Protein backbone atom coordinates (compact mmCIF):
# COMPACT_ATOMS: atom_id res chain seq x y z
CA MET A 1 12.07 -9.19 26.30
CA SER A 2 10.11 -7.08 28.78
CA LYS A 3 7.37 -9.66 29.46
CA GLU A 4 5.89 -7.64 32.32
CA TYR A 5 4.40 -5.41 29.63
CA PHE A 6 2.13 -8.27 28.48
CA SER A 7 0.13 -8.05 31.72
CA LEU A 8 0.28 -4.23 31.70
CA ILE A 9 -1.22 -4.17 28.19
CA LYS A 10 -3.94 -6.65 29.18
CA ARG A 11 -4.93 -4.34 32.03
CA ILE A 12 -5.06 -1.23 29.84
CA LEU A 13 -7.14 -2.77 27.00
CA PRO A 14 -10.57 -2.37 28.70
CA LYS A 15 -9.75 1.26 29.50
CA LYS A 16 -8.62 1.93 25.94
CA PHE A 17 -11.25 0.04 23.95
CA GLY A 18 -14.00 -0.67 26.47
CA LYS A 19 -14.96 -4.07 27.84
CA LYS A 20 -15.09 -6.70 25.07
CA GLU A 21 -15.08 -10.45 24.85
CA GLN A 22 -12.09 -10.25 22.48
CA TYR A 23 -9.79 -7.40 21.39
CA LEU A 24 -8.87 -7.79 17.72
CA ALA A 25 -5.73 -7.01 15.73
CA PHE A 26 -5.48 -6.77 11.94
CA VAL A 27 -1.94 -7.43 10.70
CA LYS A 28 -0.89 -6.78 7.08
CA THR A 29 2.53 -7.92 5.85
CA TYR A 30 4.42 -6.85 2.74
CA GLY A 31 7.65 -8.20 1.26
CA CYS A 32 9.91 -11.19 1.79
CA GLN A 33 9.89 -14.34 3.92
CA GLN A 34 11.90 -12.53 6.60
CA ASN A 35 9.10 -9.97 6.95
CA PHE A 36 6.56 -12.76 7.37
CA ALA A 37 8.81 -14.34 10.01
CA ASP A 38 8.90 -10.97 11.79
CA THR A 39 5.11 -10.84 11.60
CA GLU A 40 4.87 -14.20 13.39
CA LYS A 41 6.82 -12.65 16.27
CA ILE A 42 4.64 -9.53 16.23
CA CYS A 43 1.54 -11.74 16.34
CA GLY A 44 3.10 -13.77 19.15
CA ILE A 45 3.58 -10.61 21.18
CA LEU A 46 0.04 -9.40 20.44
CA HIS A 47 -1.43 -12.78 21.39
CA ALA A 48 0.51 -12.76 24.68
CA SER A 49 -0.81 -9.23 25.27
CA GLY A 50 -4.45 -10.25 25.00
CA PHE A 51 -5.29 -9.75 21.34
CA GLY A 52 -7.08 -12.08 18.95
CA PHE A 53 -6.87 -11.61 15.19
CA THR A 54 -9.15 -10.62 12.33
CA GLU A 55 -8.84 -10.31 8.56
CA ASP A 56 -11.38 -7.47 8.56
CA GLU A 57 -9.69 -4.15 9.40
CA THR A 58 -13.06 -2.43 9.86
CA ILE A 59 -13.68 -4.30 13.14
CA ALA A 60 -10.10 -4.19 14.45
CA ASP A 61 -8.99 -2.37 17.59
CA LEU A 62 -5.37 -2.44 16.46
CA ILE A 63 -3.97 -2.30 12.90
CA VAL A 64 -0.36 -3.27 12.15
CA PHE A 65 1.40 -2.71 8.82
CA ASN A 66 4.69 -4.62 8.51
CA THR A 67 6.32 -2.90 5.55
CA CYS A 68 8.84 -3.68 2.82
CA ALA A 69 11.41 -1.27 1.35
CA ILE A 70 12.86 -3.54 -1.34
CA ARG A 71 10.59 -2.51 -4.21
CA LYS A 72 8.54 0.58 -4.89
CA HIS A 73 5.43 -1.47 -5.65
CA ALA A 74 5.25 -2.73 -2.04
CA GLU A 75 5.91 0.79 -0.78
CA ASP A 76 3.07 2.22 -2.89
CA ARG A 77 0.64 -0.47 -1.70
CA PHE A 78 1.50 0.30 1.91
CA ILE A 79 1.01 4.06 1.44
CA GLY A 80 -2.39 3.45 -0.16
CA ASN A 81 -3.53 1.08 2.59
CA VAL A 82 -2.34 3.18 5.52
CA GLY A 83 -4.07 6.18 3.94
CA ASN A 84 -7.36 4.27 4.04
CA VAL A 85 -7.02 3.91 7.82
CA LYS A 86 -7.81 7.60 8.20
CA LYS A 87 -11.50 6.89 7.47
CA LEU A 88 -11.52 4.04 10.00
CA LYS A 89 -9.92 6.35 12.57
CA GLU A 90 -12.67 8.93 12.01
CA ARG A 91 -15.28 6.28 12.85
CA ASN A 92 -13.32 4.80 15.75
CA LYS A 93 -11.20 7.39 17.57
CA ASN A 94 -9.70 4.68 19.84
CA LEU A 95 -8.29 2.69 16.91
CA VAL A 96 -4.52 2.20 17.31
CA THR A 97 -2.31 2.01 14.20
CA VAL A 98 1.24 0.63 14.10
CA VAL A 99 3.67 0.90 11.17
CA CYS A 100 6.82 -1.22 11.36
CA GLY A 101 9.30 -3.04 9.14
CA CYS A 102 11.98 -2.11 6.63
CA ILE A 103 10.45 1.18 5.42
CA THR A 104 10.39 2.66 8.90
CA GLN A 105 14.02 1.65 9.52
CA GLN A 106 14.82 4.56 7.19
CA GLU A 107 14.70 7.67 9.36
CA GLU A 108 13.52 9.97 6.56
CA PHE A 109 10.62 7.68 5.69
CA ALA A 110 9.70 7.31 9.36
CA LYS A 111 9.46 11.10 9.54
CA TYR A 112 7.38 11.07 6.34
CA VAL A 113 4.93 8.59 7.90
CA LYS A 114 4.60 10.70 11.06
CA LYS A 115 4.06 13.88 9.04
CA THR A 116 1.75 12.49 6.34
CA PHE A 117 -0.24 10.13 8.58
CA PRO A 118 -0.42 11.83 11.99
CA PHE A 119 -3.04 9.32 13.13
CA VAL A 120 -0.37 6.57 13.23
CA ASN A 121 0.29 5.82 16.90
CA LEU A 122 3.53 3.84 16.71
CA VAL A 123 6.40 3.70 14.21
CA LEU A 124 9.20 1.18 14.73
CA GLY A 125 11.92 -0.45 12.64
CA THR A 126 12.96 -4.08 12.19
CA ASP A 127 15.29 -4.25 15.20
CA TYR A 128 12.67 -2.88 17.56
CA ILE A 129 10.34 -5.89 17.58
CA LYS A 130 12.15 -7.12 20.69
CA ILE A 131 10.91 -4.08 22.65
CA PHE A 132 7.55 -3.97 20.86
CA PRO A 133 5.58 -4.72 24.09
CA GLU A 134 7.04 -1.64 25.80
CA LEU A 135 6.49 0.59 22.78
CA LEU A 136 2.95 -0.73 22.29
CA TYR A 137 2.13 0.01 25.94
CA ARG A 138 3.43 3.55 25.46
CA ALA A 139 1.33 3.93 22.31
CA LEU A 140 -1.79 2.68 24.10
CA THR A 141 -1.33 5.05 27.04
CA SER A 142 -0.05 8.15 25.23
CA ARG A 143 -1.83 10.69 23.08
CA ALA A 144 1.38 11.43 21.19
CA SER A 145 2.76 9.02 18.59
CA VAL A 146 5.81 6.94 19.52
CA CYS A 147 8.72 6.70 17.05
CA PHE A 148 11.32 3.93 16.90
CA ASN A 149 14.39 6.19 17.05
CA GLU A 150 13.66 7.45 20.55
CA LEU A 151 15.51 4.48 22.11
CA ASP A 152 19.10 3.35 21.58
CA ASN A 153 21.49 0.55 22.58
CA LEU A 154 19.16 -2.32 21.74
CA PRO A 155 20.38 -5.93 22.00
CA VAL A 156 21.44 -7.43 18.66
CA ILE A 157 19.49 -10.71 18.86
CA GLN A 158 16.98 -11.69 21.50
CA GLU A 159 15.78 -15.28 21.69
CA ASP A 160 12.78 -15.19 24.00
CA VAL A 161 10.30 -13.47 21.68
CA PRO A 162 6.96 -15.37 21.54
CA THR A 163 5.96 -16.61 18.08
CA LYS A 164 2.49 -17.26 16.67
CA ARG A 165 2.95 -19.49 13.63
CA ALA A 166 0.89 -18.93 10.51
CA ASN A 167 0.12 -22.67 10.29
CA ASN A 168 1.06 -25.99 11.91
CA ILE A 169 2.67 -27.65 8.88
CA LYS A 170 5.44 -25.32 7.71
CA ALA A 171 7.57 -23.04 9.88
CA SER A 172 10.19 -20.37 9.17
CA VAL A 173 13.28 -20.20 11.41
CA PRO A 174 15.54 -17.15 11.02
CA ILE A 175 19.17 -18.20 11.49
CA MET A 176 20.78 -14.80 10.90
CA TYR A 177 19.91 -11.17 10.29
CA GLY A 178 21.29 -8.38 8.10
CA CYS A 179 23.49 -8.38 5.00
CA ASP A 180 27.10 -7.42 4.21
CA ASN A 181 26.94 -7.70 0.41
CA PHE A 182 25.80 -4.17 -0.55
CA CYS A 183 24.50 -5.00 -4.01
CA SER A 184 24.20 -1.63 -5.71
CA TYR A 185 20.41 -1.84 -6.17
CA CYS A 186 19.52 -3.18 -2.71
CA ILE A 187 18.40 -1.31 0.40
CA VAL A 188 18.56 -4.34 2.76
CA PRO A 189 21.98 -3.64 4.37
CA TYR A 190 20.81 -0.12 5.18
CA VAL A 191 17.50 -1.17 6.77
CA ARG A 192 18.43 -4.53 8.35
CA GLY A 193 22.02 -3.79 9.29
CA ARG A 194 25.16 -5.90 9.08
CA GLU A 195 25.20 -9.69 9.30
CA ARG A 196 24.84 -11.32 12.70
CA SER A 197 24.06 -14.96 13.42
CA ARG A 198 21.98 -16.75 15.99
CA LYS A 199 23.78 -19.27 18.17
CA PRO A 200 23.52 -22.78 16.67
CA GLU A 201 22.22 -24.32 19.90
CA ASN A 202 19.26 -21.91 19.90
CA ILE A 203 18.46 -22.73 16.27
CA ILE A 204 18.71 -26.48 16.94
CA LEU A 205 16.42 -26.21 19.97
CA GLU A 206 13.82 -24.29 17.94
CA VAL A 207 13.91 -26.79 15.06
CA GLU A 208 13.73 -29.76 17.46
CA ASP A 209 10.70 -28.23 19.15
CA LEU A 210 8.97 -27.64 15.80
CA ILE A 211 9.57 -31.22 14.64
CA LYS A 212 8.41 -32.56 18.03
CA ASN A 213 5.19 -30.57 17.55
CA GLY A 214 4.50 -32.09 14.14
CA TYR A 215 5.88 -29.51 11.70
CA LYS A 216 6.88 -31.14 8.43
CA GLU A 217 8.84 -28.40 6.68
CA ILE A 218 11.43 -26.07 8.19
CA LEU A 219 12.53 -23.01 6.20
CA LEU A 220 15.84 -21.57 7.41
CA LEU A 221 15.94 -17.84 6.73
CA GLY A 222 18.65 -15.25 6.21
CA GLN A 223 19.39 -12.50 3.71
CA ASN A 224 22.40 -14.69 2.80
CA VAL A 225 22.27 -18.00 4.66
CA ASN A 226 25.64 -18.99 3.21
CA SER A 227 27.27 -16.37 5.43
CA TYR A 228 25.96 -18.03 8.59
CA GLY A 229 28.50 -17.96 11.43
CA LYS A 230 29.28 -14.24 11.29
CA GLY A 231 29.64 -12.73 14.75
CA LEU A 232 29.75 -16.02 16.66
CA THR A 233 32.56 -17.07 18.99
CA GLU A 234 32.12 -20.69 17.88
CA ILE A 235 33.68 -21.45 14.49
CA ILE A 236 30.77 -22.80 12.43
CA ASP A 237 29.52 -22.33 8.87
CA PHE A 238 26.20 -22.97 7.16
CA SER A 239 27.16 -26.46 5.96
CA GLU A 240 27.92 -27.54 9.52
CA LEU A 241 24.65 -26.05 10.79
CA LEU A 242 22.75 -28.01 8.12
CA ARG A 243 24.52 -31.24 9.11
CA ARG A 244 23.52 -30.75 12.75
CA ILE A 245 19.90 -30.05 11.84
CA ASP A 246 19.83 -33.04 9.49
CA GLU A 247 20.75 -35.30 12.43
CA ILE A 248 17.48 -34.45 14.25
CA PRO A 249 15.24 -37.54 14.03
CA GLY A 250 11.81 -37.30 12.41
CA GLU A 251 10.03 -37.05 9.07
CA TYR A 252 10.51 -33.54 7.75
CA TRP A 253 12.03 -31.44 5.00
CA VAL A 254 14.51 -28.60 5.39
CA ARG A 255 14.67 -25.73 2.93
CA PHE A 256 16.62 -22.48 3.12
CA MET A 257 16.81 -19.09 1.47
CA THR A 258 18.34 -16.96 0.27
CA SER A 259 21.69 -18.22 -1.07
CA HIS A 260 24.12 -15.75 -2.60
CA PRO A 261 25.82 -17.49 -5.55
CA LYS A 262 29.28 -16.17 -4.62
CA ASP A 263 29.10 -18.10 -1.33
CA VAL A 264 27.70 -21.42 -2.57
CA THR A 265 30.54 -23.88 -1.99
CA LYS A 266 31.00 -27.46 -3.13
CA GLU A 267 30.88 -28.41 0.55
CA LEU A 268 27.37 -26.94 0.80
CA VAL A 269 26.21 -28.84 -2.30
CA ASP A 270 27.79 -32.06 -0.97
CA THR A 271 26.00 -31.55 2.35
CA MET A 272 22.67 -31.23 0.54
CA ALA A 273 23.39 -34.31 -1.59
CA ASP A 274 24.35 -36.46 1.42
CA SER A 275 21.48 -35.36 3.69
CA LYS A 276 18.35 -37.24 4.72
CA HIS A 277 16.08 -34.22 5.16
CA ILE A 278 17.29 -31.33 2.97
CA ALA A 279 14.88 -30.91 0.06
CA PRO A 280 16.33 -31.00 -3.49
CA TYR A 281 15.55 -27.36 -4.11
CA LEU A 282 17.75 -24.27 -4.26
CA HIS A 283 16.81 -20.64 -4.78
CA LEU A 284 19.89 -19.12 -6.45
CA PRO A 285 19.35 -15.49 -7.56
CA ILE A 286 21.36 -14.63 -10.68
CA GLN A 287 19.77 -11.14 -11.27
CA SER A 288 21.42 -10.82 -14.71
CA GLY A 289 23.16 -13.08 -17.22
CA ASN A 290 25.55 -10.36 -18.37
CA ASN A 291 28.93 -9.80 -16.69
CA ARG A 292 29.00 -6.02 -17.15
CA ILE A 293 25.61 -5.68 -15.49
CA LEU A 294 26.65 -8.07 -12.72
CA ARG A 295 29.67 -5.82 -12.01
CA LYS A 296 27.43 -2.75 -11.92
CA MET A 297 25.17 -4.62 -9.52
CA ASN A 298 28.20 -5.44 -7.31
CA ARG A 299 27.22 -9.12 -7.30
CA LYS A 300 30.86 -10.34 -6.98
CA TYR A 301 30.57 -13.30 -9.35
CA THR A 302 30.57 -13.79 -13.12
CA ARG A 303 28.14 -15.63 -15.34
CA GLU A 304 30.79 -18.30 -15.88
CA GLN A 305 31.24 -18.83 -12.12
CA TYR A 306 27.47 -19.09 -11.72
CA GLU A 307 27.22 -21.68 -14.48
CA GLU A 308 30.03 -23.67 -12.85
CA ILE A 309 28.07 -23.74 -9.57
CA VAL A 310 24.90 -24.85 -11.36
CA ASN A 311 26.74 -27.62 -13.23
CA TYR A 312 28.16 -29.00 -9.97
CA ILE A 313 24.71 -28.89 -8.34
CA ARG A 314 23.16 -30.76 -11.29
CA ILE A 315 25.84 -33.48 -11.04
CA LYS A 316 25.57 -33.97 -7.28
CA ILE A 317 21.76 -33.55 -7.00
CA PRO A 318 20.28 -34.72 -10.33
CA LYS A 319 16.66 -34.19 -9.24
CA VAL A 320 17.26 -30.65 -7.95
CA CYS A 321 14.88 -27.84 -8.89
CA LEU A 322 16.37 -24.36 -9.20
CA SER A 323 14.62 -21.02 -8.96
CA THR A 324 16.05 -17.54 -9.33
CA ASP A 325 15.49 -13.78 -9.23
CA ILE A 326 15.91 -11.60 -12.33
CA ILE A 327 16.06 -7.81 -12.47
CA VAL A 328 14.95 -6.51 -15.88
CA GLY A 329 16.05 -3.08 -17.05
CA PHE A 330 18.88 -2.35 -14.62
CA PRO A 331 20.29 1.15 -15.34
CA GLY A 332 22.15 1.08 -18.64
CA GLU A 333 21.16 -2.47 -19.61
CA THR A 334 21.22 -2.81 -23.40
CA TYR A 335 18.95 -5.16 -25.32
CA GLU A 336 21.95 -7.35 -26.16
CA GLU A 337 22.78 -7.60 -22.43
CA PHE A 338 19.18 -8.54 -21.72
CA LEU A 339 19.52 -11.33 -24.32
CA ASP A 340 22.46 -12.69 -22.27
CA THR A 341 20.00 -13.16 -19.42
CA ILE A 342 17.60 -14.91 -21.80
CA SER A 343 20.32 -17.29 -22.98
CA LEU A 344 21.23 -18.15 -19.38
CA ILE A 345 17.59 -18.90 -18.55
CA LYS A 346 17.41 -21.29 -21.51
CA LYS A 347 20.63 -22.97 -20.44
CA VAL A 348 19.86 -23.43 -16.74
CA GLU A 349 16.16 -24.34 -17.14
CA TYR A 350 14.78 -22.93 -13.90
CA SER A 351 11.56 -24.39 -12.56
CA LEU A 352 10.52 -20.94 -11.36
CA ILE A 353 11.64 -17.35 -11.92
CA TYR A 354 10.78 -14.25 -9.92
CA SER A 355 11.28 -11.35 -12.33
CA PHE A 356 11.14 -7.67 -11.45
CA ILE A 357 11.45 -4.46 -13.41
CA TYR A 358 14.26 -2.45 -11.80
CA SER A 359 12.93 -0.26 -9.01
CA LYS A 360 15.04 2.72 -7.92
CA ARG A 361 15.70 2.72 -4.15
CA PRO A 362 16.85 6.08 -2.76
CA GLY A 363 20.08 5.74 -0.81
CA THR A 364 21.53 2.95 -2.95
CA PRO A 365 24.42 3.43 -5.46
CA ALA A 366 22.24 2.31 -8.38
CA ALA A 367 19.82 5.17 -7.71
CA LYS A 368 22.53 7.58 -8.93
CA MET A 369 23.20 5.65 -12.16
CA GLU A 370 21.95 7.00 -15.47
CA ASP A 371 18.94 5.04 -16.68
CA SER A 372 18.19 5.59 -20.36
CA VAL A 373 15.87 2.61 -20.94
CA PRO A 374 12.18 3.67 -21.12
CA TYR A 375 9.78 1.87 -18.79
CA GLU A 376 7.75 0.60 -21.76
CA GLU A 377 10.87 -1.16 -23.09
CA LYS A 378 11.57 -2.71 -19.70
CA ALA A 379 8.00 -3.98 -19.46
CA LYS A 380 8.28 -5.45 -22.95
CA ARG A 381 11.48 -7.29 -21.98
CA GLN A 382 9.90 -8.65 -18.83
CA SER A 383 6.87 -9.92 -20.76
CA TYR A 384 9.18 -11.75 -23.16
CA LEU A 385 11.07 -13.29 -20.24
CA ILE A 386 7.87 -14.40 -18.49
CA GLU A 387 6.49 -16.01 -21.65
CA LEU A 388 9.77 -17.86 -22.23
CA GLN A 389 9.75 -19.16 -18.66
CA LYS A 390 6.17 -20.42 -19.04
CA HIS A 391 7.29 -22.67 -21.91
CA ILE A 392 10.37 -23.87 -19.98
CA THR A 393 8.25 -24.66 -16.92
CA GLU A 394 5.66 -26.48 -19.00
CA ASP A 395 8.39 -28.60 -20.61
CA LEU A 396 9.99 -29.39 -17.22
CA PHE A 397 6.63 -30.28 -15.69
CA SER A 398 5.74 -32.57 -18.61
CA ARG A 399 8.74 -34.74 -17.66
CA TYR A 400 7.05 -35.50 -14.32
CA VAL A 401 3.99 -37.10 -15.95
CA GLY A 402 3.91 -40.85 -15.24
CA THR A 403 6.41 -40.61 -12.37
CA TYR A 404 5.83 -41.16 -8.66
CA GLN A 405 6.64 -38.32 -6.27
CA LYS A 406 6.67 -37.76 -2.53
CA VAL A 407 4.73 -34.59 -1.72
CA LEU A 408 3.84 -32.65 1.41
CA VAL A 409 0.13 -31.82 1.56
CA GLU A 410 -0.23 -28.20 2.70
CA ASP A 411 -3.84 -27.18 2.18
CA LEU A 412 -7.25 -27.94 0.73
CA ASP A 413 -8.28 -26.62 -2.67
CA LYS A 414 -11.02 -24.13 -1.82
CA SER A 415 -12.84 -24.83 -5.09
CA ASN A 416 -12.91 -28.64 -4.85
CA GLU A 417 -13.19 -30.69 -1.65
CA ASN A 418 -11.60 -33.69 -3.38
CA VAL A 419 -8.38 -31.81 -4.21
CA PHE A 420 -5.43 -31.11 -1.92
CA ILE A 421 -2.65 -28.56 -2.48
CA ALA A 422 0.83 -30.04 -2.09
CA ARG A 423 4.46 -29.54 -3.06
CA THR A 424 7.19 -31.88 -4.20
CA GLY A 425 10.65 -31.92 -2.66
CA GLY A 426 11.67 -29.67 -5.54
CA ASN A 427 9.02 -27.15 -4.40
CA VAL A 428 6.76 -27.78 -7.39
CA LEU A 429 3.10 -26.95 -6.73
CA THR A 430 0.96 -30.08 -7.09
CA LYS A 431 -2.82 -30.57 -7.01
CA VAL A 432 -3.61 -34.00 -5.59
CA TYR A 433 -6.95 -35.67 -6.31
CA SER A 434 -8.34 -38.06 -3.69
CA ASN A 435 -11.69 -39.74 -3.05
CA GLY A 436 -12.63 -37.10 -0.50
CA LYS A 437 -12.41 -39.50 2.44
CA ASP A 438 -8.67 -39.25 2.98
CA ASP A 439 -7.29 -36.94 5.64
CA LEU A 440 -4.02 -35.99 3.95
CA LEU A 441 -3.48 -32.50 5.36
CA GLY A 442 -0.03 -32.08 6.89
CA LYS A 443 1.19 -35.48 5.70
CA PHE A 444 3.82 -36.74 3.31
CA VAL A 445 2.06 -38.71 0.57
CA ASN A 446 3.28 -40.75 -2.39
CA VAL A 447 1.43 -39.73 -5.55
CA LYS A 448 1.44 -40.47 -9.25
CA ILE A 449 1.70 -37.45 -11.57
CA ILE A 450 -1.02 -37.78 -14.21
CA ASP A 451 -0.97 -34.35 -15.89
CA ASN A 452 0.58 -30.90 -15.79
CA THR A 453 -0.11 -27.25 -16.56
CA ARG A 454 2.24 -24.30 -16.86
CA THR A 455 1.89 -23.60 -13.15
CA TYR A 456 1.32 -26.90 -11.36
CA LEU A 457 1.34 -30.69 -11.55
CA VAL A 458 -1.79 -32.83 -11.33
CA ALA A 459 -1.56 -36.03 -9.27
CA GLU A 460 -3.56 -38.81 -7.67
CA VAL A 461 -2.87 -40.71 -4.46
């Protein structure tokens, strides 16, 4: 990373914005955990360049939108919010606006942003964070906007990017980037590129440093963590990486996402079962419970294979909690095929489901498929699925009542000073009641579950 630009930016700030006690950046993130991990690096760079941070865009000197291209809803929200910046720019001509992330990795959309929002000063894609200081300096010193595709031959992975963590309890650690799966509905391989892995020693060093500094939960990130090892000279897979991380001394949990079902091996499940620190939780996206739809999605597994994986997980890790992603209304999905998804949900009993109505992404194979299902029908199916899951979750949570659980306390309940927000090892949201004198924040605590709702457990210390 070109760190000399940090000092260059610090020098230019008074000339650009006038002399201030603190120059402020407003950063808005859309999308997945990987985007939020990218934002932590963006904030690290901004902090090293002399910026503080604000949640009020009206007083910001710099506004950054880190965008998502996975679903149209996130894209629409971004377009609406960046459009509002025009009014702020009219009041503050020195305001600098940056648009980055998955949307801008698509050249056509980057051109659309430049044309539709000419007040945007800098446009850069996901792989350009590593030269963000240089591009930001250019944006601060140039009247013309700077676009990400002006520079080529960037390094694949750069390790020395500063990171400003969102909190001091939980930390995300990317272990790999990109995706090779090319699911027919998904834009990720086109905007984040092919799979490439970080060196294991760099990951281990980062995790060791986080644990040494008191972090209690480490989330390992990748579009498909099970493919870890791609592009490395050392022969290593994800199971081996987990074993090495698990050997690090300390009191902490390890989680990871996302796991592609086709690559979940018995070795991986055994590694989880035999570990000291890996939490009994697995996010395992099924997307559909129907084999024809799974083939159209190019998911490369069948419902039967998925069920076999789940059965093995349940045997080896009896207390495991499973969550999943479901796409409702994929092109051509019949009502009977939707009912196959419903039957799978009943059979697996997920603790949490993220359901989405199919969103057409230009440039993907699914975008060319005939879609005869009206939106109203898709919405009706999703509502049915959500209501079913509420009952399943409520039933699962009721089984916790009267049991003792180890939880990690993450936050205070803003509405009640005697209540802490925590999560179990299975990632179940838990509200913990205390006498108000306990300082539980950031600690592992043993609690008794005394009640439940459809969305969280209720516990006391």
